[in-house]
Amino acid sequence: MSTVLVVDQLPIVRDGLRAVLERAGHQVLAEVDNGQDALLQCRQLHPELVILELLVPRLGGLDLLRRLRASHAGLKLLVYSVQEAGLYAARSLQAGADAYVCKTDAVAELERAVQAVSHGRSYFPREATRQEAQGPRSEVDSELAQLSGRELTVLQMLSQGLNNKDIAEQLSLSYKTVSTYKARLHQKLNVGNDFQLLEVARSHGLVAGEDGARTLGAPTDPQLLREYGLLRGLLDAAPYPMFVRDLEGRLLMCNRRYLALVGESFEVIRGTTLEQAKWLPPHVRVRSQMRFKQSVRQEEPVIFEAVVEYLGVPTAMYGWCTPFRDEAGQLVAMLGGMRDLTERDSMLARLRHEGAEARFESHLKSSTLAAISQELQALLAVMQQSLDGAGAQQLVGQIDSMRQCLVRVDELWALDAHRQETITEAHHLGTLTERILVPLRQHLEAKGCQLDLGPALHTLKSAWIDARHYRQLLESLFGYLRLGTLPPRISLRLTTNLQPRGLLRLCLELSPWHEPDLADASAQWAHASLQRLLLLLQASAQTVASGDGEALAWRLELDLPQALTSP
């Protein structure tokens, strides 16, 4: 008879094993529920046999087998696991186990295995020894068979809902090493994200049960209940906000990072749809709910970008939603998440800023060349006139050579100027607008019309813009307006809003607005000039109802690269 150590995280299983072993005359020295304690008890108690479950926390079963075999050469190791024998029996044999019994087998199978290893024999399913000799028999087996023992352990821990930090602590590895194993898993299993990685784990029976799950919220759909363990583990392990919604868009569960983004407790937002998400701007709510329903209808993933208020700061966010199916392939829920794009947009804004600065410096160089050329041309013309008739033919020839050189300089400047038709500079939009409008305002006041710019002009942000084209746009706009009868008061409102990808949207609204008669030649010319500038600036404009609803307003929207600094 043998002295035994039992390693299993479920108390009811340990009690059952103790009863079976003691009935057969074996002595159970101790019971533990994790790998670290198993190593400690083996060093202290020196059991003859260890019966262990592969799904144990703090080390993982395969790692535990390897460590026990390396430190206790004569120790008998029997794996009694819920894991699929077709894959894990052979893995256990490679890691140093003496026997493998599946928990779905009859108790008599366990008794025979214990008796075999007690007499120095091994006890494995027939397919395990055949696979050890011949290799995997099918594509399903070979998908995980290509993984190393440590990679399989990391995959197993990920399927239990552990994140990289937890895995690093349990395996006594660095965070970077765990990230490397995770990247190898993505590559070897040909998956693009953690969700697909856990789908592979689920298809091979690696997913742990619901014990220890910590995700907020519980699904009510019976089909989702069968997948609850995987979903909760996935959401808790995610380093960014994630959620699960039913097919109508109602929130079933989420992680704490999602609650931090929303700024509400789970009890408040449970069962709400995206259309009811108060933390999203109104137009984003409606669009998100529509795209969600379309994704459910087509059973396809959906992605979107939006600017939302996060901790009082406008933040560019990337959102996604992907179908989640049960084991039968039926769509039962939608899994989604959000990623903060602030760092990406800041980088894009910085690159645009640096690129615009480089183009502006190039323009300054070209302008300098042009100015030098013009000045030298004028001086040479004066010298030419002074030398005419003086007989200094040699000097005249040298002047002609200099003039030819300047012609080539002019050609280079002209070529560069052609490439730089739009000359953008960093400007504070409020200051630039106010400066441009000074003469226009004086002209309007002389005609008895007051121009109201509102209080928000100096709250505008800075952007890269062609000031010359912007000036022409405002002059054409007011010139277009002056073709009709001027009202006593004109209101001009400007706002700037942060957009995804580091852009700044300038919105300009002018009211009241009237459409001049295009049959008039002056109106036709003003209309054509205004449309040309809109096209050049890539701006969009339309006539809308004004804020008071009593008159029309002209609204322009123009996306500009955000400037980090301005003069």
Protein backbone atom coordinates (compact mmCIF):
# COMPACT_ATOMS: atom_id res chain seq x y z
CA MET A 1 0.00 0.00 0.00
CA SER A 2 1.13 3.57 -0.73
CA THR A 3 1.26 6.93 1.00
CA VAL A 4 -0.57 9.47 -1.18
CA LEU A 5 -0.76 13.24 -1.71
CA VAL A 6 -3.97 14.48 -3.41
CA VAL A 7 -3.82 17.68 -5.52
CA ASP A 8 -7.19 19.06 -6.69
CA GLN A 9 -8.81 22.46 -6.23
CA LEU A 10 -12.32 21.03 -5.57
CA PRO A 11 -12.92 19.85 -1.96
CA ILE A 12 -15.61 17.36 -3.01
CA VAL A 13 -13.18 15.64 -5.40
CA ARG A 14 -10.50 15.44 -2.71
CA ASP A 15 -12.99 13.91 -0.26
CA GLY A 16 -14.05 11.35 -2.86
CA LEU A 17 -10.45 10.40 -3.65
CA ARG A 18 -9.63 10.03 0.03
CA ALA A 19 -12.59 7.64 0.46
CA VAL A 20 -11.60 5.52 -2.55
CA LEU A 21 -7.93 5.37 -1.54
CA GLU A 22 -8.52 4.56 2.11
CA ARG A 23 -11.01 1.84 1.14
CA ALA A 24 -8.21 0.26 -0.91
CA GLY A 25 -5.82 0.46 2.06
CA HIS A 26 -3.75 3.50 1.00
CA GLN A 27 -2.83 6.31 3.39
CA VAL A 28 -3.62 9.91 2.35
CA LEU A 29 -0.94 12.08 3.91
CA ALA A 30 -2.34 15.45 2.81
CA GLU A 31 -4.65 17.29 0.41
CA VAL A 32 -3.77 20.54 -1.37
CA ASP A 33 -5.57 22.73 -3.90
CA ASN A 34 -2.66 24.29 -5.84
CA GLY A 35 0.70 23.49 -7.41
CA GLN A 36 2.94 25.48 -5.06
CA ASP A 37 1.58 23.74 -1.97
CA ALA A 38 1.95 20.37 -3.74
CA LEU A 39 5.70 20.98 -4.16
CA LEU A 40 6.01 22.04 -0.52
CA GLN A 41 4.13 18.99 0.83
CA CYS A 42 6.18 16.60 -1.32
CA ARG A 43 9.39 18.01 0.14
CA GLN A 44 8.08 17.75 3.70
CA LEU A 45 6.02 14.50 3.64
CA HIS A 46 7.81 12.41 0.94
CA PRO A 47 4.69 10.59 -0.36
CA GLU A 48 5.05 7.55 -2.61
CA LEU A 49 2.21 8.56 -4.93
CA VAL A 50 0.78 11.93 -6.03
CA ILE A 51 -2.68 12.07 -7.65
CA LEU A 52 -3.20 15.41 -9.32
CA GLU A 53 -5.60 17.37 -11.52
CA LEU A 54 -4.04 19.28 -14.42
CA LEU A 55 -6.40 22.22 -13.93
CA VAL A 56 -4.90 23.52 -10.69
CA PRO A 57 -3.87 27.12 -9.99
CA ARG A 58 -0.37 28.32 -9.19
CA LEU A 59 1.89 26.45 -11.63
CA GLY A 60 -0.50 24.43 -13.80
CA GLY A 61 -0.60 20.66 -14.03
CA LEU A 62 2.02 20.03 -16.72
CA ASP A 63 4.55 22.32 -15.03
CA LEU A 64 3.84 20.63 -11.72
CA LEU A 65 4.46 17.20 -13.27
CA ARG A 66 7.81 18.29 -14.70
CA ARG A 67 8.96 19.79 -11.39
CA LEU A 68 7.89 16.80 -9.34
CA ARG A 69 9.64 14.41 -11.73
CA ALA A 70 12.83 16.49 -11.72
CA SER A 71 12.99 16.73 -7.90
CA HIS A 72 11.63 13.28 -6.91
CA ALA A 73 12.88 10.61 -9.31
CA GLY A 74 11.19 7.66 -7.56
CA LEU A 75 7.83 9.40 -6.98
CA LYS A 76 4.77 7.86 -8.69
CA LEU A 77 2.62 10.43 -10.50
CA LEU A 78 -0.99 9.71 -11.46
CA VAL A 79 -3.01 12.33 -13.37
CA TYR A 80 -6.73 12.26 -12.58
CA SER A 81 -8.11 15.09 -14.74
CA VAL A 82 -11.16 16.45 -16.46
CA GLN A 83 -9.03 17.39 -19.48
CA GLU A 84 -9.39 15.57 -22.81
CA ALA A 85 -7.35 12.36 -22.66
CA GLY A 86 -6.68 12.38 -26.41
CA LEU A 87 -4.40 15.38 -25.97
CA TYR A 88 -3.35 15.50 -22.34
CA ALA A 89 -2.59 11.83 -21.70
CA ALA A 90 0.33 11.94 -24.12
CA ARG A 91 1.42 15.33 -22.78
CA SER A 92 1.34 13.98 -19.23
CA LEU A 93 3.41 10.98 -20.30
CA GLN A 94 6.00 13.34 -21.83
CA ALA A 95 6.04 15.47 -18.65
CA GLY A 96 6.85 12.42 -16.49
CA ALA A 97 3.49 11.01 -15.35
CA ASP A 98 3.11 7.28 -14.67
CA ALA A 99 -0.64 7.09 -15.29
CA TYR A 100 -3.55 9.06 -16.70
CA VAL A 101 -7.23 8.58 -15.87
CA CYS A 102 -10.05 10.81 -17.07
CA LYS A 103 -12.63 11.87 -14.46
CA THR A 104 -15.40 10.85 -16.83
CA ASP A 105 -14.26 7.20 -16.57
CA ALA A 106 -15.68 4.77 -14.00
CA VAL A 107 -14.14 4.73 -10.49
CA ALA A 108 -12.91 1.19 -11.21
CA GLU A 109 -10.59 2.69 -13.85
CA LEU A 110 -8.98 4.88 -11.17
CA GLU A 111 -8.59 1.90 -8.82
CA ARG A 112 -6.85 -0.14 -11.53
CA ALA A 113 -4.52 2.77 -12.31
CA VAL A 114 -3.56 3.21 -8.63
CA GLN A 115 -2.88 -0.53 -8.33
CA ALA A 116 -0.76 -0.51 -11.50
CA VAL A 117 1.50 2.40 -10.49
CA SER A 118 1.84 0.95 -6.96
CA HIS A 119 3.38 -2.15 -8.55
CA GLY A 120 5.72 -0.15 -10.79
CA ARG A 121 3.68 -0.26 -14.01
CA SER A 122 2.34 2.61 -16.12
CA TYR A 123 -1.34 3.05 -16.93
CA PHE A 124 -2.38 5.19 -19.92
CA PRO A 125 -5.20 5.14 -22.48
CA ARG A 126 -4.17 3.15 -25.52
CA GLU A 127 -4.37 6.15 -27.85
CA ALA A 128 -1.90 8.07 -25.68
CA THR A 129 0.87 5.52 -26.06
CA ARG A 130 0.11 5.18 -29.77
CA GLN A 131 0.29 8.96 -30.21
CA GLU A 132 3.57 9.04 -28.29
CA ALA A 133 5.03 6.56 -30.75
CA GLN A 134 3.43 7.74 -34.01
CA GLY A 135 2.51 11.41 -33.48
CA PRO A 136 -0.94 13.03 -33.68
CA ARG A 137 -3.66 11.24 -35.65
CA SER A 138 -5.82 14.18 -36.75
CA GLU A 139 -5.79 17.89 -37.52
CA VAL A 140 -7.62 18.62 -34.28
CA ASP A 141 -4.91 16.86 -32.28
CA SER A 142 -2.08 18.42 -34.27
CA GLU A 143 -3.31 21.98 -33.73
CA LEU A 144 -2.24 21.93 -30.07
CA ALA A 145 0.38 19.20 -30.52
CA GLN A 146 2.68 21.79 -32.12
CA LEU A 147 2.79 23.75 -28.85
CA SER A 148 5.53 23.26 -26.30
CA GLY A 149 4.59 22.21 -22.77
CA ARG A 150 5.10 25.73 -21.42
CA GLU A 151 3.05 27.27 -24.26
CA LEU A 152 0.23 24.83 -23.53
CA THR A 153 0.40 25.76 -19.84
CA VAL A 154 0.14 29.48 -20.68
CA LEU A 155 -2.83 28.77 -22.97
CA GLN A 156 -4.46 26.78 -20.20
CA MET A 157 -4.00 29.62 -17.71
CA LEU A 158 -5.34 32.18 -20.17
CA SER A 159 -8.43 29.99 -20.55
CA GLN A 160 -8.87 30.15 -16.77
CA GLY A 161 -9.20 33.94 -16.96
CA LEU A 162 -5.68 34.82 -15.77
CA ASN A 163 -3.94 37.85 -17.25
CA ASN A 164 -0.25 38.12 -18.15
CA LYS A 165 0.70 39.45 -14.71
CA ASP A 166 -1.07 36.60 -12.90
CA ILE A 167 0.53 33.99 -15.16
CA ALA A 168 3.97 35.51 -14.64
CA GLU A 169 3.54 35.29 -10.86
CA GLN A 170 2.29 31.70 -10.90
CA LEU A 171 4.99 30.41 -13.24
CA SER A 172 7.77 32.54 -11.67
CA LEU A 173 8.43 34.18 -15.05
CA SER A 174 8.82 37.79 -16.13
CA TYR A 175 5.89 39.66 -17.65
CA LYS A 176 7.87 40.00 -20.90
CA THR A 177 8.44 36.25 -21.11
CA VAL A 178 4.72 35.54 -20.72
CA SER A 179 4.00 38.10 -23.46
CA THR A 180 6.46 36.25 -25.70
CA TYR A 181 4.69 32.93 -25.07
CA LYS A 182 1.38 34.61 -25.83
CA ALA A 183 2.71 35.99 -29.12
CA ARG A 184 3.92 32.50 -30.07
CA LEU A 185 0.45 31.12 -29.33
CA HIS A 186 -1.09 33.70 -31.66
CA GLN A 187 1.38 32.75 -34.37
CA LYS A 188 1.23 28.96 -34.02
CA LEU A 189 -2.55 28.79 -33.69
CA ASN A 190 -3.04 31.38 -36.46
CA VAL A 191 -5.28 33.72 -34.46
CA GLY A 192 -5.43 37.49 -34.49
CA ASN A 193 -6.64 38.31 -30.97
CA ASP A 194 -7.17 36.89 -27.47
CA PHE A 195 -10.83 36.16 -28.14
CA GLN A 196 -9.93 33.80 -31.01
CA LEU A 197 -7.19 32.30 -28.83
CA LEU A 198 -9.73 31.42 -26.14
CA GLU A 199 -12.09 30.02 -28.79
CA VAL A 200 -9.32 27.54 -29.68
CA ALA A 201 -8.89 26.75 -25.98
CA ARG A 202 -12.61 26.15 -25.62
CA SER A 203 -12.74 23.85 -28.66
CA HIS A 204 -10.07 21.66 -27.01
CA GLY A 205 -11.72 21.61 -23.59
CA LEU A 206 -9.18 23.86 -21.88
CA VAL A 207 -11.68 26.38 -20.51
CA ALA A 208 -12.12 26.31 -16.76
CA GLY A 209 -15.49 26.31 -15.09
CA GLU A 210 -17.18 29.22 -13.40
CA ASP A 211 -15.33 28.93 -10.06
CA GLY A 212 -13.31 32.02 -9.33
CA ALA A 213 -14.78 34.15 -12.11
CA ARG A 214 -15.01 37.78 -11.08
CA THR A 215 -16.75 39.58 -13.95
CA LEU A 216 -19.64 41.85 -13.06
CA GLY A 217 -23.09 40.90 -14.25
CA ALA A 218 -24.73 37.62 -15.13
CA PRO A 219 -26.41 36.62 -18.38
CA THR A 220 -30.03 35.52 -18.27
CA ASP A 221 -30.12 33.63 -21.57
CA PRO A 222 -29.85 29.85 -20.91
CA GLN A 223 -27.53 29.47 -23.90
CA LEU A 224 -25.15 32.09 -22.51
CA LEU A 225 -25.03 30.32 -19.16
CA ARG A 226 -23.18 27.42 -20.78
CA GLU A 227 -20.52 29.84 -22.05
CA TYR A 228 -20.43 31.99 -18.90
CA GLY A 229 -17.07 30.78 -17.63
CA LEU A 230 -15.26 31.62 -20.87
CA LEU A 231 -16.88 35.04 -21.23
CA ARG A 232 -16.19 36.07 -17.64
CA GLY A 233 -12.59 34.92 -17.81
CA LEU A 234 -12.06 36.76 -21.10
CA LEU A 235 -13.55 40.04 -19.86
CA ASP A 236 -11.64 40.00 -16.57
CA ALA A 237 -8.33 39.29 -18.31
CA ALA A 238 -8.77 42.09 -20.89
CA PRO A 239 -6.61 45.19 -20.26
CA TYR A 240 -9.26 47.47 -21.83
CA PRO A 241 -13.04 48.02 -21.44
CA MET A 242 -15.11 45.05 -22.66
CA PHE A 243 -18.78 44.06 -22.53
CA VAL A 244 -21.27 41.38 -23.60
CA ARG A 245 -24.69 42.31 -25.03
CA ASP A 246 -27.62 40.17 -26.05
CA LEU A 247 -28.91 40.16 -29.61
CA GLU A 248 -31.15 43.16 -28.86
CA GLY A 249 -28.17 45.17 -27.65
CA ARG A 250 -28.95 44.98 -23.91
CA LEU A 251 -25.89 44.91 -21.62
CA LEU A 252 -25.46 41.51 -19.96
CA MET A 253 -22.04 41.87 -18.37
CA CYS A 254 -18.89 43.96 -18.48
CA ASN A 255 -15.55 44.36 -16.74
CA ARG A 256 -14.46 47.04 -14.29
CA ARG A 257 -12.56 48.96 -16.96
CA TYR A 258 -15.82 49.40 -18.87
CA LEU A 259 -17.49 50.74 -15.72
CA ALA A 260 -14.62 53.21 -15.26
CA LEU A 261 -15.15 54.43 -18.84
CA VAL A 262 -18.93 54.77 -18.40
CA GLY A 263 -18.69 56.27 -14.91
CA GLU A 264 -21.66 54.29 -13.55
CA SER A 265 -22.24 51.19 -11.44
CA PHE A 266 -23.28 47.95 -13.11
CA GLU A 267 -26.68 48.04 -11.39
CA VAL A 268 -27.43 51.36 -13.16
CA ILE A 269 -26.44 50.28 -16.70
CA ARG A 270 -27.50 46.61 -16.60
CA GLY A 271 -29.85 45.89 -19.49
CA THR A 272 -29.32 49.25 -21.22
CA THR A 273 -28.70 49.47 -24.97
CA LEU A 274 -26.14 51.58 -26.81
CA GLU A 275 -28.95 53.97 -27.71
CA GLN A 276 -29.43 54.58 -23.97
CA ALA A 277 -25.70 55.03 -23.23
CA LYS A 278 -25.62 58.56 -21.76
CA TRP A 279 -21.82 58.61 -21.82
CA LEU A 280 -21.87 58.62 -25.64
CA PRO A 281 -22.72 61.75 -27.68
CA PRO A 282 -26.35 61.61 -28.94
CA HIS A 283 -25.44 61.15 -32.62
CA VAL A 284 -22.95 58.37 -31.73
CA ARG A 285 -25.60 56.51 -29.67
CA VAL A 286 -28.03 56.26 -32.56
CA ARG A 287 -25.35 55.33 -35.09
CA SER A 288 -23.79 52.72 -32.76
CA GLN A 289 -27.15 51.02 -32.09
CA MET A 290 -27.93 50.93 -35.82
CA ARG A 291 -24.56 49.40 -36.64
CA PHE A 292 -24.94 46.91 -33.78
CA LYS A 293 -28.29 45.70 -35.14
CA GLN A 294 -26.81 45.45 -38.63
CA SER A 295 -23.91 43.38 -37.24
CA VAL A 296 -26.34 41.01 -35.50
CA ARG A 297 -28.47 40.72 -38.61
CA GLN A 298 -25.49 39.91 -40.83
CA GLU A 299 -23.65 37.97 -38.06
CA GLU A 300 -20.46 39.88 -38.85
CA PRO A 301 -18.05 41.96 -36.73
CA VAL A 302 -18.38 45.74 -36.70
CA ILE A 303 -15.86 48.49 -35.86
CA PHE A 304 -16.24 52.23 -35.34
CA GLU A 305 -14.41 55.30 -34.07
CA ALA A 306 -15.84 58.14 -31.99
CA VAL A 307 -14.78 60.99 -29.72
CA VAL A 308 -16.25 60.63 -26.23
CA GLU A 309 -15.87 62.44 -22.91
CA TYR A 310 -13.65 60.34 -20.63
CA LEU A 311 -12.86 61.83 -17.22
CA GLY A 312 -13.93 65.19 -18.61
CA VAL A 313 -11.48 65.05 -21.54
CA PRO A 314 -12.49 64.50 -25.21
CA THR A 315 -10.94 61.13 -26.09
CA ALA A 316 -10.79 59.34 -29.44
CA MET A 317 -11.96 55.75 -28.95
CA TYR A 318 -11.89 52.70 -31.23
CA GLY A 319 -14.83 50.35 -30.66
CA TRP A 320 -15.54 46.85 -31.92
CA CYS A 321 -18.20 44.17 -31.62
CA THR A 322 -17.94 40.53 -32.74
CA PRO A 323 -20.46 37.66 -32.74
CA PHE A 324 -20.20 35.07 -29.96
CA ARG A 325 -21.54 31.59 -30.74
CA ASP A 326 -22.26 28.56 -28.60
CA GLU A 327 -20.80 25.10 -29.18
CA ALA A 328 -23.50 24.40 -31.79
CA GLY A 329 -22.46 27.48 -33.79
CA GLN A 330 -25.57 29.48 -32.91
CA LEU A 331 -25.22 33.21 -32.37
CA VAL A 332 -26.08 33.88 -28.71
CA ALA A 333 -24.49 37.25 -27.88
CA MET A 334 -22.18 40.02 -29.08
CA LEU A 335 -18.79 40.56 -27.47
CA GLY A 336 -17.33 44.05 -27.72
CA GLY A 337 -14.69 46.42 -26.41
CA MET A 338 -13.22 49.91 -26.58
CA ARG A 339 -9.62 51.08 -27.04
CA ASP A 340 -8.23 54.54 -26.28
CA LEU A 341 -6.70 56.03 -29.43
CA THR A 342 -5.31 59.15 -27.73
CA GLU A 343 -1.70 58.02 -28.07
CA ARG A 344 -2.19 57.15 -31.74
CA ASP A 345 -3.93 60.44 -32.50
CA SER A 346 -1.29 62.42 -30.63
CA MET A 347 1.37 60.73 -32.76
CA LEU A 348 -0.57 61.51 -35.96
CA ALA A 349 -1.02 65.11 -34.88
CA ARG A 350 2.71 65.36 -34.11
CA LEU A 351 3.64 63.87 -37.50
CA ARG A 352 1.27 66.23 -39.32
CA HIS A 353 2.62 69.14 -37.31
CA GLU A 354 6.23 68.25 -38.16
CA GLY A 355 5.34 67.67 -41.82
CA ALA A 356 3.58 71.01 -42.06
CA GLU A 357 6.54 72.73 -40.40
CA ALA A 358 8.88 71.15 -42.95
CA ARG A 359 6.68 72.31 -45.84
CA PHE A 360 6.51 75.79 -44.37
CA GLU A 361 10.30 75.94 -44.04
CA SER A 362 10.58 74.85 -47.67
CA HIS A 363 8.20 77.65 -48.64
CA LEU A 364 10.30 80.17 -46.72
CA LYS A 365 13.43 79.02 -48.55
CA SER A 366 11.66 79.31 -51.90
CA SER A 367 10.39 82.79 -51.02
CA THR A 368 13.90 83.83 -50.01
CA LEU A 369 15.30 82.57 -53.33
CA ALA A 370 12.61 84.47 -55.21
CA ALA A 371 13.33 87.69 -53.31
CA ILE A 372 17.09 87.38 -53.89
CA SER A 373 16.52 86.69 -57.56
CA GLN A 374 14.26 89.72 -57.99
CA GLU A 375 16.73 92.00 -56.18
CA LEU A 376 19.70 90.79 -58.23
CA GLN A 377 17.71 91.07 -61.46
CA ALA A 378 16.95 94.70 -60.63
CA LEU A 379 20.62 95.45 -59.82
CA LEU A 380 21.80 93.73 -62.99
CA ALA A 381 19.33 95.76 -65.05
CA VAL A 382 20.78 98.99 -63.60
CA MET A 383 24.33 97.80 -64.29
CA GLN A 384 23.36 96.84 -67.83
CA GLN A 385 21.99 100.31 -68.51
CA SER A 386 25.16 101.92 -67.06
CA LEU A 387 27.46 99.78 -69.20
CA ASP A 388 25.58 100.10 -72.51
CA GLY A 389 27.79 101.98 -74.97
CA ALA A 390 30.80 101.93 -72.63
CA GLY A 391 32.52 99.20 -74.63
CA ALA A 392 32.88 96.84 -71.68
CA GLN A 393 31.81 93.80 -73.71
CA GLN A 394 33.59 91.31 -71.44
CA LEU A 395 31.76 92.61 -68.36
CA VAL A 396 28.47 92.51 -70.24
CA GLY A 397 29.07 88.84 -71.03
CA GLN A 398 29.67 88.07 -67.39
CA ILE A 399 26.44 89.86 -66.43
CA ASP A 400 24.58 87.77 -69.00
CA SER A 401 26.01 84.60 -67.42
CA MET A 402 24.84 85.78 -64.00
CA ARG A 403 21.40 86.49 -65.43
CA GLN A 404 21.22 82.94 -66.84
CA CYS A 405 22.07 81.55 -63.41
CA LEU A 406 19.26 83.61 -61.90
CA VAL A 407 16.89 82.30 -64.57
CA ARG A 408 17.68 78.79 -63.38
CA VAL A 409 17.06 79.90 -59.76
CA ASP A 410 13.69 81.30 -60.88
CA GLU A 411 12.86 78.00 -62.57
CA LEU A 412 13.61 76.09 -59.37
CA TRP A 413 11.52 78.53 -57.32
CA ALA A 414 8.63 78.30 -59.76
CA LEU A 415 8.71 74.49 -59.63
CA ASP A 416 8.71 74.53 -55.82
CA ALA A 417 5.98 77.17 -55.72
CA HIS A 418 3.83 75.01 -58.00
CA ARG A 419 4.11 72.10 -55.55
CA GLN A 420 3.31 74.42 -52.65
CA GLU A 421 0.14 76.02 -54.02
CA THR A 422 -1.46 75.58 -50.58
CA ILE A 423 0.80 77.12 -47.94
CA THR A 424 -0.24 76.02 -44.46
CA GLU A 425 0.96 77.57 -41.23
CA ALA A 426 0.14 76.93 -37.58
CA HIS A 427 -2.46 79.49 -36.44
CA HIS A 428 -4.72 80.01 -33.48
CA LEU A 429 -8.02 79.99 -35.36
CA GLY A 430 -9.68 82.57 -33.10
CA THR A 431 -6.86 85.10 -33.41
CA LEU A 432 -6.55 84.54 -37.17
CA THR A 433 -10.30 84.93 -37.74
CA GLU A 434 -10.49 88.10 -35.65
CA ARG A 435 -7.57 89.65 -37.55
CA ILE A 436 -9.10 88.86 -40.95
CA LEU A 437 -12.50 90.24 -39.95
CA VAL A 438 -11.26 93.69 -38.78
CA PRO A 439 -11.63 95.44 -42.19
CA LEU A 440 -14.78 93.46 -43.00
CA ARG A 441 -16.39 94.49 -39.72
CA GLN A 442 -15.50 98.16 -40.36
CA HIS A 443 -17.03 97.96 -43.83
CA LEU A 444 -20.23 96.40 -42.46
CA GLU A 445 -20.51 99.00 -39.68
CA ALA A 446 -20.19 101.75 -42.27
CA LYS A 447 -23.29 100.28 -43.91
CA GLY A 448 -25.20 100.08 -40.60
CA CYS A 449 -24.69 96.33 -39.97
CA GLN A 450 -23.21 94.96 -36.73
CA LEU A 451 -21.11 91.77 -36.83
CA ASP A 452 -21.54 89.60 -33.71
CA LEU A 453 -18.77 87.03 -33.19
CA GLY A 454 -20.00 85.69 -29.84
CA PRO A 455 -17.91 84.99 -26.72
CA ALA A 456 -16.32 81.72 -27.85
CA LEU A 457 -13.89 83.04 -30.46
CA HIS A 458 -10.83 82.84 -28.21
CA THR A 459 -11.69 79.30 -27.06
CA LEU A 460 -10.91 77.96 -30.54
CA LYS A 461 -7.90 75.67 -30.87
CA SER A 462 -4.84 75.91 -33.13
CA ALA A 463 -4.57 74.20 -36.51
CA TRP A 464 -2.50 74.13 -39.68
CA ILE A 465 -4.33 76.25 -42.28
CA ASP A 466 -3.58 78.30 -45.40
CA ALA A 467 -4.27 81.80 -44.03
CA ARG A 468 -4.41 83.29 -47.53
CA HIS A 469 -7.13 80.89 -48.68
CA TYR A 470 -8.99 81.25 -45.38
CA ARG A 471 -8.93 85.05 -45.78
CA GLN A 472 -10.23 84.74 -49.34
CA LEU A 473 -12.98 82.41 -48.12
CA LEU A 474 -14.22 84.87 -45.48
CA GLU A 475 -13.95 87.83 -47.88
CA SER A 476 -15.87 85.93 -50.58
CA LEU A 477 -18.47 84.86 -48.03
CA PHE A 478 -19.19 88.40 -46.86
CA GLY A 479 -18.90 89.73 -50.40
CA TYR A 480 -21.52 87.17 -51.40
CA LEU A 481 -23.71 88.33 -48.51
CA ARG A 482 -23.35 92.02 -49.42
CA LEU A 483 -24.92 91.38 -52.83
CA GLY A 484 -28.30 91.46 -51.09
CA THR A 485 -29.80 93.77 -48.50
CA LEU A 486 -27.75 93.72 -45.31
CA PRO A 487 -29.65 93.04 -42.07
CA PRO A 488 -29.04 95.22 -38.95
CA ARG A 489 -27.09 92.39 -37.35
CA ILE A 490 -25.10 89.39 -38.62
CA SER A 491 -24.09 86.53 -36.29
CA LEU A 492 -20.95 84.49 -36.96
CA ARG A 493 -20.29 81.51 -34.66
CA LEU A 494 -17.14 79.36 -34.81
CA THR A 495 -16.35 76.17 -32.89
CA THR A 496 -13.60 73.54 -33.01
CA ASN A 497 -14.11 69.85 -32.17
CA LEU A 498 -11.56 67.06 -31.87
CA GLN A 499 -12.03 64.28 -34.43
CA PRO A 500 -10.49 60.78 -34.69
CA ARG A 501 -7.03 60.48 -36.29
CA GLY A 502 -5.78 63.75 -34.78
CA LEU A 503 -7.89 66.11 -36.91
CA LEU A 504 -9.65 69.28 -35.78
CA ARG A 505 -13.05 70.16 -37.25
CA LEU A 506 -13.70 73.89 -37.68
CA CYS A 507 -17.45 74.66 -37.81
CA LEU A 508 -18.53 78.10 -39.04
CA GLU A 509 -22.18 79.22 -39.00
CA LEU A 510 -23.32 82.55 -40.45
CA SER A 511 -26.85 83.87 -40.01
CA PRO A 512 -29.14 85.24 -41.26
CA TRP A 513 -28.42 83.90 -44.74
CA HIS A 514 -30.12 84.60 -48.06
CA GLU A 515 -29.49 83.15 -51.48
CA PRO A 516 -28.62 85.90 -54.01
CA ASP A 517 -30.10 85.85 -57.48
CA LEU A 518 -27.66 83.85 -59.62
CA ALA A 519 -29.05 85.45 -62.74
CA ASP A 520 -26.95 88.49 -61.81
CA ALA A 521 -23.39 88.39 -63.22
CA SER A 522 -21.83 89.64 -59.94
CA ALA A 523 -23.68 86.93 -58.00
CA GLN A 524 -22.51 84.29 -60.46
CA TRP A 525 -18.88 85.41 -60.07
CA ALA A 526 -19.14 85.50 -56.25
CA HIS A 527 -20.79 82.06 -56.19
CA ALA A 528 -18.11 80.54 -58.45
CA SER A 529 -15.31 82.11 -56.36
CA LEU A 530 -16.82 80.79 -53.12
CA GLN A 531 -17.27 77.28 -54.53
CA ARG A 532 -13.69 77.24 -55.82
CA LEU A 533 -12.37 78.09 -52.37
CA LEU A 534 -14.56 75.43 -50.74
CA LEU A 535 -13.15 72.88 -53.18
CA LEU A 536 -9.58 74.04 -52.62
CA LEU A 537 -9.95 73.81 -48.82
CA GLN A 538 -11.86 70.51 -49.08
CA ALA A 539 -14.64 72.02 -46.98
CA SER A 540 -18.35 71.16 -46.99
CA ALA A 541 -21.10 73.78 -46.74
CA GLN A 542 -24.88 73.75 -46.58
CA THR A 543 -27.83 75.97 -45.74
CA VAL A 544 -29.46 75.01 -42.41
CA ALA A 545 -32.02 76.38 -39.98
CA SER A 546 -30.51 78.94 -37.61
CA GLY A 547 -30.43 78.49 -33.85
CA ASP A 548 -33.62 80.52 -33.32
CA GLY A 549 -35.38 78.61 -36.09
CA GLU A 550 -36.68 81.84 -37.66
CA ALA A 551 -34.11 82.29 -40.43
CA LEU A 552 -31.65 80.37 -42.55
CA ALA A 553 -27.96 79.99 -41.69
CA TRP A 554 -24.96 79.03 -43.79
CA ARG A 555 -22.85 76.28 -42.16
CA LEU A 556 -19.30 75.27 -43.14
CA GLU A 557 -17.27 72.32 -41.82
CA LEU A 558 -13.54 72.05 -42.45
CA ASP A 559 -11.19 69.34 -41.11
CA LEU A 560 -7.68 70.60 -40.39
CA PRO A 561 -4.53 68.98 -38.96
CA GLN A 562 -4.30 69.92 -35.30
CA ALA A 563 -1.36 72.17 -34.43
CA LEU A 564 0.41 71.45 -31.16
CA THR A 565 1.75 75.02 -31.01
CA SER A 566 0.99 78.24 -32.85
CA PRO A 567 2.73 81.58 -33.10
